[in-house]
Amino acid sequence: MNIKTAKVGSNLIISLNGELDESVADITRKNIDKFILSERFENVIFDMNGLSFMDSTGIGVLLGRYKLIKKLGGVAMIKGSNKQIDRVLTMSGIYTIMEKIS
């Protein structure tokens, strides 16, 4: 798992690349939290374009970050995904709490 971040105005873009599963969930969670807590962001956008695989553990990572972002007064969004990732996100219901943007 490779995580890249970019600050664009009051937005934080977190690009996830690789596989998000149980083997990398803890370190991914800690790294993402470090970025989210580094300063105040209006929106946190998870760019899933580089994600090749995600299981239910990945949904848990996203859900936990959603709760943290909301607690801090921000909005969490999801951008881009392949068919498999999109299917997992849709089935989990994550799009009901995190907006899917293009």
PDB file of N, CA and C in Angstrom:
ATOM      1  N   MET A   1       0.848  -1.173   0.000  1.00  0.00           N
ATOM      2  CA  MET A   1       0.000   0.000   0.000  1.00  0.00           C
ATOM      3  C   MET A   1       0.892   1.234   0.000  1.00  0.00           C
ATOM      4  N   ASN A   2       0.597   2.115  -0.917  1.00  0.00           N
ATOM      5  CA  ASN A   2       1.290   3.389  -1.031  1.00  0.00           C
ATOM      6  C   ASN A   2       0.252   4.491  -0.889  1.00  0.00           C
ATOM      7  N   ILE A   3       0.542   5.451  -0.022  1.00  0.00           N
ATOM      8  CA  ILE A   3      -0.374   6.558   0.214  1.00  0.00           C
ATOM      9  C   ILE A   3       0.314   7.851  -0.177  1.00  0.00           C
ATOM     10  N   LYS A   4      -0.351   8.631  -1.017  1.00  0.00           N
ATOM     11  CA  LYS A   4       0.151   9.950  -1.391  1.00  0.00           C
ATOM     12  C   LYS A   4      -0.904  10.968  -0.998  1.00  0.00           C
ATOM     13  N   THR A   5      -0.442  12.133  -0.573  1.00  0.00           N
ATOM     14  CA  THR A   5      -1.380  13.185  -0.204  1.00  0.00           C
ATOM     15  C   THR A   5      -1.066  14.465  -0.955  1.00  0.00           C
ATOM     16  N   ALA A   6      -2.086  15.262  -1.131  1.00  0.00           N
ATOM     17  CA  ALA A   6      -1.933  16.580  -1.740  1.00  0.00           C
ATOM     18  C   ALA A   6      -2.913  17.522  -1.066  1.00  0.00           C
ATOM     19  N   LYS A   7      -2.438  18.713  -0.755  1.00  0.00           N
ATOM     20  CA  LYS A   7      -3.299  19.755  -0.202  1.00  0.00           C
ATOM     21  C   LYS A   7      -3.670  20.691  -1.338  1.00  0.00           C
ATOM     22  N   VAL A   8      -4.967  20.881  -1.532  1.00  0.00           N
ATOM     23  CA  VAL A   8      -5.474  21.788  -2.554  1.00  0.00           C
ATOM     24  C   VAL A   8      -6.452  22.725  -1.854  1.00  0.00           C
ATOM     25  N   GLY A   9      -6.003  23.920  -1.548  1.00  0.00           N
ATOM     26  CA  GLY A   9      -6.832  24.847  -0.780  1.00  0.00           C
ATOM     27  C   GLY A   9      -7.127  24.263   0.580  1.00  0.00           C
ATOM     28  N   SER A  10      -8.407  24.164   0.903  1.00  0.00           N
ATOM     29  CA  SER A  10      -8.803  23.593   2.195  1.00  0.00           C
ATOM     30  C   SER A  10      -9.139  22.103   2.089  1.00  0.00           C
ATOM     31  N   ASN A  11      -8.704  21.479   0.988  1.00  0.00           N
ATOM     32  CA  ASN A  11      -8.981  20.063   0.757  1.00  0.00           C
ATOM     33  C   ASN A  11      -7.722  19.225   0.920  1.00  0.00           C
ATOM     34  N   LEU A  12      -7.886  18.029   1.440  1.00  0.00           N
ATOM     35  CA  LEU A  12      -6.820  17.042   1.492  1.00  0.00           C
ATOM     36  C   LEU A  12      -7.214  15.900   0.573  1.00  0.00           C
ATOM     37  N   ILE A  13      -6.356  15.597  -0.387  1.00  0.00           N
ATOM     38  CA  ILE A  13      -6.595  14.466  -1.281  1.00  0.00           C
ATOM     39  C   ILE A  13      -5.660  13.347  -0.857  1.00  0.00           C
ATOM     40  N   ILE A  14      -6.227  12.200  -0.540  1.00  0.00           N
ATOM     41  CA  ILE A  14      -5.466  11.028  -0.132  1.00  0.00           C
ATOM     42  C   ILE A  14      -5.591   9.992  -1.237  1.00  0.00           C
ATOM     43  N   SER A  15      -4.490   9.733  -1.932  1.00  0.00           N
ATOM     44  CA  SER A  15      -4.482   8.760  -3.028  1.00  0.00           C
ATOM     45  C   SER A  15      -3.980   7.424  -2.497  1.00  0.00           C
ATOM     46  N   LEU A  16      -4.809   6.404  -2.647  1.00  0.00           N
ATOM     47  CA  LEU A  16      -4.466   5.061  -2.198  1.00  0.00           C
ATOM     48  C   LEU A  16      -4.054   4.228  -3.402  1.00  0.00           C
ATOM     49  N   ASN A  17      -2.899   3.588  -3.290  1.00  0.00           N
ATOM     50  CA  ASN A  17      -2.376   2.778  -4.392  1.00  0.00           C
ATOM     51  C   ASN A  17      -1.962   1.413  -3.875  1.00  0.00           C
ATOM     52  N   GLY A  18      -2.427   0.369  -4.543  1.00  0.00           N
ATOM     53  CA  GLY A  18      -2.088  -0.995  -4.139  1.00  0.00           C
ATOM     54  C   GLY A  18      -3.307  -1.724  -3.633  1.00  0.00           C
ATOM     55  N   GLU A  19      -3.109  -2.525  -2.582  1.00  0.00           N
ATOM     56  CA  GLU A  19      -4.188  -3.323  -2.011  1.00  0.00           C
ATOM     57  C   GLU A  19      -4.460  -2.882  -0.586  1.00  0.00           C
ATOM     58  N   LEU A  20      -5.732  -2.733  -0.257  1.00  0.00           N
ATOM     59  CA  LEU A  20      -6.142  -2.356   1.099  1.00  0.00           C
ATOM     60  C   LEU A  20      -6.882  -3.534   1.705  1.00  0.00           C
ATOM     61  N   ASP A  21      -6.143  -4.305   2.489  1.00  0.00           N
ATOM     62  CA  ASP A  21      -6.713  -5.481   3.133  1.00  0.00           C
ATOM     63  C   ASP A  21      -6.162  -5.588   4.554  1.00  0.00           C
ATOM     64  N   GLU A  22      -6.451  -6.687   5.211  1.00  0.00           N
ATOM     65  CA  GLU A  22      -6.074  -6.863   6.613  1.00  0.00           C
ATOM     66  C   GLU A  22      -4.571  -6.732   6.852  1.00  0.00           C
ATOM     67  N   SER A  23      -3.762  -7.124   5.907  1.00  0.00           N
ATOM     68  CA  SER A  23      -2.312  -7.104   6.106  1.00  0.00           C
ATOM     69  C   SER A  23      -1.729  -5.695   6.198  1.00  0.00           C
ATOM     70  N   VAL A  24      -2.429  -4.687   5.671  1.00  0.00           N
ATOM     71  CA  VAL A  24      -1.917  -3.312   5.693  1.00  0.00           C
ATOM     72  C   VAL A  24      -2.875  -2.329   6.383  1.00  0.00           C
ATOM     73  N   ALA A  25      -3.978  -2.830   6.913  1.00  0.00           N
ATOM     74  CA  ALA A  25      -5.016  -1.952   7.460  1.00  0.00           C
ATOM     75  C   ALA A  25      -4.507  -1.085   8.613  1.00  0.00           C
ATOM     76  N   ASP A  26      -3.803  -1.661   9.566  1.00  0.00           N
ATOM     77  CA  ASP A  26      -3.364  -0.882  10.734  1.00  0.00           C
ATOM     78  C   ASP A  26      -2.412   0.238  10.362  1.00  0.00           C
ATOM     79  N   ILE A  27      -1.407  -0.055   9.569  1.00  0.00           N
ATOM     80  CA  ILE A  27      -0.439   0.969   9.185  1.00  0.00           C
ATOM     81  C   ILE A  27      -1.088   2.016   8.282  1.00  0.00           C
ATOM     82  N   THR A  28      -1.999   1.582   7.428  1.00  0.00           N
ATOM     83  CA  THR A  28      -2.717   2.519   6.560  1.00  0.00           C
ATOM     84  C   THR A  28      -3.570   3.461   7.402  1.00  0.00           C
ATOM     85  N   ARG A  29      -4.266   2.905   8.360  1.00  0.00           N
ATOM     86  CA  ARG A  29      -5.113   3.691   9.262  1.00  0.00           C
ATOM     87  C   ARG A  29      -4.280   4.746   9.993  1.00  0.00           C
ATOM     88  N   LYS A  30      -3.159   4.342  10.551  1.00  0.00           N
ATOM     89  CA  LYS A  30      -2.294   5.265  11.296  1.00  0.00           C
ATOM     90  C   LYS A  30      -1.744   6.367  10.396  1.00  0.00           C
ATOM     91  N   ASN A  31      -1.311   6.000   9.196  1.00  0.00           N
ATOM     92  CA  ASN A  31      -0.759   6.995   8.271  1.00  0.00           C
ATOM     93  C   ASN A  31      -1.814   7.992   7.816  1.00  0.00           C
ATOM     94  N   ILE A  32      -2.997   7.507   7.499  1.00  0.00           N
ATOM     95  CA  ILE A  32      -4.071   8.407   7.075  1.00  0.00           C
ATOM     96  C   ILE A  32      -4.455   9.345   8.221  1.00  0.00           C
ATOM     97  N   ASP A  33      -4.571   8.814   9.425  1.00  0.00           N
ATOM     98  CA  ASP A  33      -4.921   9.648  10.577  1.00  0.00           C
ATOM     99  C   ASP A  33      -3.897  10.762  10.786  1.00  0.00           C
ATOM    100  N   LYS A  34      -2.637  10.442  10.600  1.00  0.00           N
ATOM    101  CA  LYS A  34      -1.576  11.442  10.755  1.00  0.00           C
ATOM    102  C   LYS A  34      -1.804  12.616   9.803  1.00  0.00           C
ATOM    103  N   PHE A  35      -2.164  12.321   8.568  1.00  0.00           N
ATOM    104  CA  PHE A  35      -2.426  13.387   7.585  1.00  0.00           C
ATOM    105  C   PHE A  35      -3.681  14.181   7.955  1.00  0.00           C
ATOM    106  N   ILE A  36      -4.740  13.477   8.322  1.00  0.00           N
ATOM    107  CA  ILE A  36      -6.007  14.134   8.651  1.00  0.00           C
ATOM    108  C   ILE A  36      -5.843  15.065   9.851  1.00  0.00           C
ATOM    109  N   LEU A  37      -5.058  14.642  10.822  1.00  0.00           N
ATOM    110  CA  LEU A  37      -4.887  15.422  12.049  1.00  0.00           C
ATOM    111  C   LEU A  37      -3.822  16.509  11.930  1.00  0.00           C
ATOM    112  N   SER A  38      -3.103  16.546  10.815  1.00  0.00           N
ATOM    113  CA  SER A  38      -1.998  17.494  10.665  1.00  0.00           C
ATOM    114  C   SER A  38      -2.464  18.949  10.601  1.00  0.00           C
ATOM    115  N   GLU A  39      -3.642  19.181  10.071  1.00  0.00           N
ATOM    116  CA  GLU A  39      -4.240  20.520  10.035  1.00  0.00           C
ATOM    117  C   GLU A  39      -5.722  20.400   9.718  1.00  0.00           C
ATOM    118  N   ARG A  40      -6.431  21.502   9.762  1.00  0.00           N
ATOM    119  CA  ARG A  40      -7.874  21.488   9.533  1.00  0.00           C
ATOM    120  C   ARG A  40      -8.167  21.501   8.033  1.00  0.00           C
ATOM    121  N   PHE A  41      -8.983  20.548   7.585  1.00  0.00           N
ATOM    122  CA  PHE A  41      -9.384  20.448   6.186  1.00  0.00           C
ATOM    123  C   PHE A  41     -10.899  20.495   6.091  1.00  0.00           C
ATOM    124  N   GLU A  42     -11.391  21.210   5.092  1.00  0.00           N
ATOM    125  CA  GLU A  42     -12.833  21.268   4.859  1.00  0.00           C
ATOM    126  C   GLU A  42     -13.334  19.952   4.269  1.00  0.00           C
ATOM    127  N   ASN A  43     -12.587  19.425   3.303  1.00  0.00           N
ATOM    128  CA  ASN A  43     -12.938  18.162   2.648  1.00  0.00           C
ATOM    129  C   ASN A  43     -11.729  17.242   2.637  1.00  0.00           C
ATOM    130  N   VAL A  44     -11.983  15.960   2.835  1.00  0.00           N
ATOM    131  CA  VAL A  44     -10.950  14.938   2.663  1.00  0.00           C
ATOM    132  C   VAL A  44     -11.457  14.013   1.575  1.00  0.00           C
ATOM    133  N   ILE A  45     -10.691  13.939   0.489  1.00  0.00           N
ATOM    134  CA  ILE A  45     -11.088  13.164  -0.681  1.00  0.00           C
ATOM    135  C   ILE A  45     -10.195  11.940  -0.789  1.00  0.00           C
ATOM    136  N   PHE A  46     -10.803  10.771  -0.747  1.00  0.00           N
ATOM    137  CA  PHE A  46     -10.076   9.523  -0.925  1.00  0.00           C
ATOM    138  C   PHE A  46     -10.082   9.174  -2.408  1.00  0.00           C
ATOM    139  N   ASP A  47      -8.933   9.278  -3.047  1.00  0.00           N
ATOM    140  CA  ASP A  47      -8.801   8.946  -4.468  1.00  0.00           C
ATOM    141  C   ASP A  47      -8.449   7.468  -4.568  1.00  0.00           C
ATOM    142  N   MET A  48      -9.387   6.681  -5.088  1.00  0.00           N
ATOM    143  CA  MET A  48      -9.254   5.230  -5.148  1.00  0.00           C
ATOM    144  C   MET A  48      -8.756   4.728  -6.508  1.00  0.00           C
ATOM    145  N   ASN A  49      -8.381   5.630  -7.405  1.00  0.00           N
ATOM    146  CA  ASN A  49      -7.978   5.231  -8.757  1.00  0.00           C
ATOM    147  C   ASN A  49      -6.827   4.234  -8.781  1.00  0.00           C
ATOM    148  N   GLY A  50      -5.914   4.316  -7.832  1.00  0.00           N
ATOM    149  CA  GLY A  50      -4.763   3.415  -7.815  1.00  0.00           C
ATOM    150  C   GLY A  50      -4.958   2.170  -6.977  1.00  0.00           C
ATOM    151  N   LEU A  51      -6.142   1.993  -6.408  1.00  0.00           N
ATOM    152  CA  LEU A  51      -6.418   0.841  -5.554  1.00  0.00           C
ATOM    153  C   LEU A  51      -6.804  -0.348  -6.431  1.00  0.00           C
ATOM    154  N   SER A  52      -6.073  -1.441  -6.296  1.00  0.00           N
ATOM    155  CA  SER A  52      -6.342  -2.615  -7.121  1.00  0.00           C
ATOM    156  C   SER A  52      -7.209  -3.658  -6.412  1.00  0.00           C
ATOM    157  N   PHE A  53      -7.253  -3.607  -5.080  1.00  0.00           N
ATOM    158  CA  PHE A  53      -8.044  -4.577  -4.316  1.00  0.00           C
ATOM    159  C   PHE A  53      -8.411  -3.974  -2.974  1.00  0.00           C
ATOM    160  N   MET A  54      -9.634  -4.264  -2.500  1.00  0.00           N
ATOM    161  CA  MET A  54     -10.054  -3.860  -1.172  1.00  0.00           C
ATOM    162  C   MET A  54     -11.080  -4.856  -0.667  1.00  0.00           C
ATOM    163  N   ASP A  55     -10.931  -5.248   0.598  1.00  0.00           N
ATOM    164  CA  ASP A  55     -11.909  -6.149   1.196  1.00  0.00           C
ATOM    165  C   ASP A  55     -12.650  -5.420   2.314  1.00  0.00           C
ATOM    166  N   SER A  56     -13.373  -6.146   3.133  1.00  0.00           N
ATOM    167  CA  SER A  56     -14.173  -5.526   4.183  1.00  0.00           C
ATOM    168  C   SER A  56     -13.309  -4.793   5.206  1.00  0.00           C
ATOM    169  N   THR A  57     -12.070  -5.216   5.372  1.00  0.00           N
ATOM    170  CA  THR A  57     -11.170  -4.503   6.275  1.00  0.00           C
ATOM    171  C   THR A  57     -10.936  -3.084   5.763  1.00  0.00           C
ATOM    172  N   GLY A  58     -10.834  -2.924   4.460  1.00  0.00           N
ATOM    173  CA  GLY A  58     -10.680  -1.607   3.853  1.00  0.00           C
ATOM    174  C   GLY A  58     -11.893  -0.732   4.095  1.00  0.00           C
ATOM    175  N   ILE A  59     -13.082  -1.335   4.067  1.00  0.00           N
ATOM    176  CA  ILE A  59     -14.309  -0.594   4.374  1.00  0.00           C
ATOM    177  C   ILE A  59     -14.230  -0.075   5.805  1.00  0.00           C
ATOM    178  N   GLY A  60     -13.735  -0.906   6.706  1.00  0.00           N
ATOM    179  CA  GLY A  60     -13.574  -0.492   8.097  1.00  0.00           C
ATOM    180  C   GLY A  60     -12.617   0.676   8.233  1.00  0.00           C
ATOM    181  N   VAL A  61     -11.538   0.657   7.466  1.00  0.00           N
ATOM    182  CA  VAL A  61     -10.579   1.768   7.477  1.00  0.00           C
ATOM    183  C   VAL A  61     -11.274   3.046   7.024  1.00  0.00           C
ATOM    184  N   LEU A  62     -12.012   2.982   5.918  1.00  0.00           N
ATOM    185  CA  LEU A  62     -12.716   4.158   5.411  1.00  0.00           C
ATOM    186  C   LEU A  62     -13.768   4.659   6.402  1.00  0.00           C
ATOM    187  N   LEU A  63     -14.521   3.742   6.991  1.00  0.00           N
ATOM    188  CA  LEU A  63     -15.571   4.120   7.928  1.00  0.00           C
ATOM    189  C   LEU A  63     -14.987   4.828   9.154  1.00  0.00           C
ATOM    190  N   GLY A  64     -13.899   4.308   9.669  1.00  0.00           N
ATOM    191  CA  GLY A  64     -13.245   4.947  10.809  1.00  0.00           C
ATOM    192  C   GLY A  64     -12.724   6.336  10.478  1.00  0.00           C
ATOM    193  N   ARG A  65     -12.165   6.506   9.273  1.00  0.00           N
ATOM    194  CA  ARG A  65     -11.661   7.823   8.860  1.00  0.00           C
ATOM    195  C   ARG A  65     -12.826   8.773   8.640  1.00  0.00           C
ATOM    196  N   TYR A  66     -13.939   8.269   8.107  1.00  0.00           N
ATOM    197  CA  TYR A  66     -15.148   9.085   7.942  1.00  0.00           C
ATOM    198  C   TYR A  66     -15.576   9.662   9.297  1.00  0.00           C
ATOM    199  N   LYS A  67     -15.625   8.811  10.315  1.00  0.00           N
ATOM    200  CA  LYS A  67     -16.046   9.253  11.647  1.00  0.00           C
ATOM    201  C   LYS A  67     -15.096  10.309  12.199  1.00  0.00           C
ATOM    202  N   LEU A  68     -13.795  10.121  12.013  1.00  0.00           N
ATOM    203  CA  LEU A  68     -12.802  11.087  12.478  1.00  0.00           C
ATOM    204  C   LEU A  68     -12.958  12.425  11.748  1.00  0.00           C
ATOM    205  N   ILE A  69     -13.094  12.365  10.440  1.00  0.00           N
ATOM    206  CA  ILE A  69     -13.236  13.586   9.626  1.00  0.00           C
ATOM    207  C   ILE A  69     -14.498  14.342  10.036  1.00  0.00           C
ATOM    208  N   LYS A  70     -15.592  13.624  10.214  1.00  0.00           N
ATOM    209  CA  LYS A  70     -16.859  14.245  10.622  1.00  0.00           C
ATOM    210  C   LYS A  70     -16.720  14.889  11.995  1.00  0.00           C
ATOM    211  N   LYS A  71     -16.064  14.199  12.921  1.00  0.00           N
ATOM    212  CA  LYS A  71     -15.848  14.723  14.267  1.00  0.00           C
ATOM    213  C   LYS A  71     -15.058  16.033  14.227  1.00  0.00           C
ATOM    214  N   LEU A  72     -14.145  16.144  13.269  1.00  0.00           N
ATOM    215  CA  LEU A  72     -13.323  17.339  13.119  1.00  0.00           C
ATOM    216  C   LEU A  72     -14.023  18.440  12.317  1.00  0.00           C
ATOM    217  N   GLY A  73     -15.254  18.175  11.877  1.00  0.00           N
ATOM    218  CA  GLY A  73     -16.025  19.178  11.153  1.00  0.00           C
ATOM    219  C   GLY A  73     -15.829  19.176   9.650  1.00  0.00           C
ATOM    220  N   GLY A  74     -15.197  18.138   9.123  1.00  0.00           N
ATOM    221  CA  GLY A  74     -14.961  18.050   7.686  1.00  0.00           C
ATOM    222  C   GLY A  74     -15.942  17.131   6.993  1.00  0.00           C
ATOM    223  N   VAL A  75     -15.758  17.012   5.695  1.00  0.00           N
ATOM    224  CA  VAL A  75     -16.588  16.143   4.860  1.00  0.00           C
ATOM    225  C   VAL A  75     -15.669  15.157   4.143  1.00  0.00           C
ATOM    226  N   ALA A  76     -16.022  13.881   4.160  1.00  0.00           N
ATOM    227  CA  ALA A  76     -15.250  12.835   3.483  1.00  0.00           C
ATOM    228  C   ALA A  76     -15.935  12.467   2.181  1.00  0.00           C
ATOM    229  N   MET A  77     -15.127  12.299   1.135  1.00  0.00           N
ATOM    230  CA  MET A  77     -15.641  11.942  -0.190  1.00  0.00           C
ATOM    231  C   MET A  77     -14.757  10.868  -0.809  1.00  0.00           C
ATOM    232  N   ILE A  78     -15.315  10.174  -1.801  1.00  0.00           N
ATOM    233  CA  ILE A  78     -14.580   9.134  -2.526  1.00  0.00           C
ATOM    234  C   ILE A  78     -14.542   9.504  -3.999  1.00  0.00           C
ATOM    235  N   LYS A  79     -13.360   9.375  -4.572  1.00  0.00           N
ATOM    236  CA  LYS A  79     -13.176   9.685  -5.998  1.00  0.00           C
ATOM    237  C   LYS A  79     -12.553   8.481  -6.693  1.00  0.00           C
ATOM    238  N   GLY A  80     -13.128   8.098  -7.823  1.00  0.00           N
ATOM    239  CA  GLY A  80     -12.556   7.073  -8.690  1.00  0.00           C
ATOM    240  C   GLY A  80     -12.454   5.703  -8.053  1.00  0.00           C
ATOM    241  N   SER A  81     -12.616   4.679  -8.850  1.00  0.00           N
ATOM    242  CA  SER A  81     -12.408   3.297  -8.416  1.00  0.00           C
ATOM    243  C   SER A  81     -12.637   2.379  -9.605  1.00  0.00           C
ATOM    244  N   ASN A  82     -12.002   1.223  -9.548  1.00  0.00           N
ATOM    245  CA  ASN A  82     -12.261   0.245 -10.601  1.00  0.00           C
ATOM    246  C   ASN A  82     -13.577  -0.474 -10.291  1.00  0.00           C
ATOM    247  N   LYS A  83     -14.002  -1.365 -11.167  1.00  0.00           N
ATOM    248  CA  LYS A  83     -15.307  -2.023 -11.001  1.00  0.00           C
ATOM    249  C   LYS A  83     -15.398  -2.821  -9.708  1.00  0.00           C
ATOM    250  N   GLN A  84     -14.333  -3.549  -9.365  1.00  0.00           N
ATOM    251  CA  GLN A  84     -14.348  -4.378  -8.155  1.00  0.00           C
ATOM    252  C   GLN A  84     -14.450  -3.508  -6.909  1.00  0.00           C
ATOM    253  N   ILE A  85     -13.666  -2.453  -6.840  1.00  0.00           N
ATOM    254  CA  ILE A  85     -13.689  -1.554  -5.685  1.00  0.00           C
ATOM    255  C   ILE A  85     -15.050  -0.860  -5.592  1.00  0.00           C
ATOM    256  N   ASP A  86     -15.556  -0.394  -6.721  1.00  0.00           N
ATOM    257  CA  ASP A  86     -16.856   0.272  -6.737  1.00  0.00           C
ATOM    258  C   ASP A  86     -17.956  -0.667  -6.254  1.00  0.00           C
ATOM    259  N   ARG A  87     -17.885  -1.921  -6.645  1.00  0.00           N
ATOM    260  CA  ARG A  87     -18.882  -2.911  -6.227  1.00  0.00           C
ATOM    261  C   ARG A  87     -18.823  -3.106  -4.705  1.00  0.00           C
ATOM    262  N   VAL A  88     -17.617  -3.222  -4.151  1.00  0.00           N
ATOM    263  CA  VAL A  88     -17.454  -3.385  -2.703  1.00  0.00           C
ATOM    264  C   VAL A  88     -17.999  -2.160  -1.972  1.00  0.00           C
ATOM    265  N   LEU A  89     -17.688  -0.977  -2.474  1.00  0.00           N
ATOM    266  CA  LEU A  89     -18.162   0.260  -1.846  1.00  0.00           C
ATOM    267  C   LEU A  89     -19.677   0.380  -1.921  1.00  0.00           C
ATOM    268  N   THR A  90     -20.246   0.015  -3.054  1.00  0.00           N
ATOM    269  CA  THR A  90     -21.698   0.069  -3.227  1.00  0.00           C
ATOM    270  C   THR A  90     -22.393  -0.922  -2.297  1.00  0.00           C
ATOM    271  N   MET A  91     -21.918  -2.153  -2.277  1.00  0.00           N
ATOM    272  CA  MET A  91     -22.527  -3.194  -1.451  1.00  0.00           C
ATOM    273  C   MET A  91     -22.436  -2.869   0.040  1.00  0.00           C
ATOM    274  N   SER A  92     -21.364  -2.205   0.426  1.00  0.00           N
ATOM    275  CA  SER A  92     -21.183  -1.869   1.841  1.00  0.00           C
ATOM    276  C   SER A  92     -22.087  -0.729   2.283  1.00  0.00           C
ATOM    277  N   GLY A  93     -22.592   0.052   1.328  1.00  0.00           N
ATOM    278  CA  GLY A  93     -23.408   1.204   1.653  1.00  0.00           C
ATOM    279  C   GLY A  93     -22.600   2.449   1.976  1.00  0.00           C
ATOM    280  N   ILE A  94     -21.305   2.408   1.750  1.00  0.00           N
ATOM    281  CA  ILE A  94     -20.434   3.537   2.095  1.00  0.00           C
ATOM    282  C   ILE A  94     -20.822   4.804   1.342  1.00  0.00           C
ATOM    283  N   TYR A  95     -21.386   4.635   0.136  1.00  0.00           N
ATOM    284  CA  TYR A  95     -21.791   5.813  -0.638  1.00  0.00           C
ATOM    285  C   TYR A  95     -22.978   6.543  -0.017  1.00  0.00           C
ATOM    286  N   THR A  96     -23.649   5.937   0.940  1.00  0.00           N
ATOM    287  CA  THR A  96     -24.750   6.626   1.616  1.00  0.00           C
ATOM    288  C   THR A  96     -24.240   7.638   2.634  1.00  0.00           C
ATOM    289  N   ILE A  97     -22.978   7.491   3.055  1.00  0.00           N
ATOM    290  CA  ILE A  97     -22.418   8.449   4.007  1.00  0.00           C
ATOM    291  C   ILE A  97     -21.252   9.265   3.430  1.00  0.00           C
ATOM    292  N   MET A  98     -20.595   8.736   2.417  1.00  0.00           N
ATOM    293  CA  MET A  98     -19.499   9.429   1.768  1.00  0.00           C
ATOM    294  C   MET A  98     -19.860   9.644   0.300  1.00  0.00           C
ATOM    295  N   GLU A  99     -19.891  10.892  -0.108  1.00  0.00           N
ATOM    296  CA  GLU A  99     -20.276  11.208  -1.488  1.00  0.00           C
ATOM    297  C   GLU A  99     -19.254  10.686  -2.484  1.00  0.00           C
ATOM    298  N   LYS A 100     -19.754  10.124  -3.582  1.00  0.00           N
ATOM    299  CA  LYS A 100     -18.903   9.688  -4.692  1.00  0.00           C
ATOM    300  C   LYS A 100     -18.803  10.856  -5.669  1.00  0.00           C
ATOM    301  N   ILE A 101     -17.584  11.296  -5.922  1.00  0.00           N
ATOM    302  CA  ILE A 101     -17.380  12.411  -6.856  1.00  0.00           C
ATOM    303  C   ILE A 101     -16.569  11.930  -8.037  1.00  0.00           C
ATOM    304  N   SER A 102     -16.635  12.699  -9.135  1.00  0.00           N
ATOM    305  CA  SER A 102     -15.894  12.298 -10.336  1.00  0.00           C
ATOM    306  C   SER A 102     -14.626  13.092 -10.482  1.00  0.00           C
TER     307      SER A 102
END
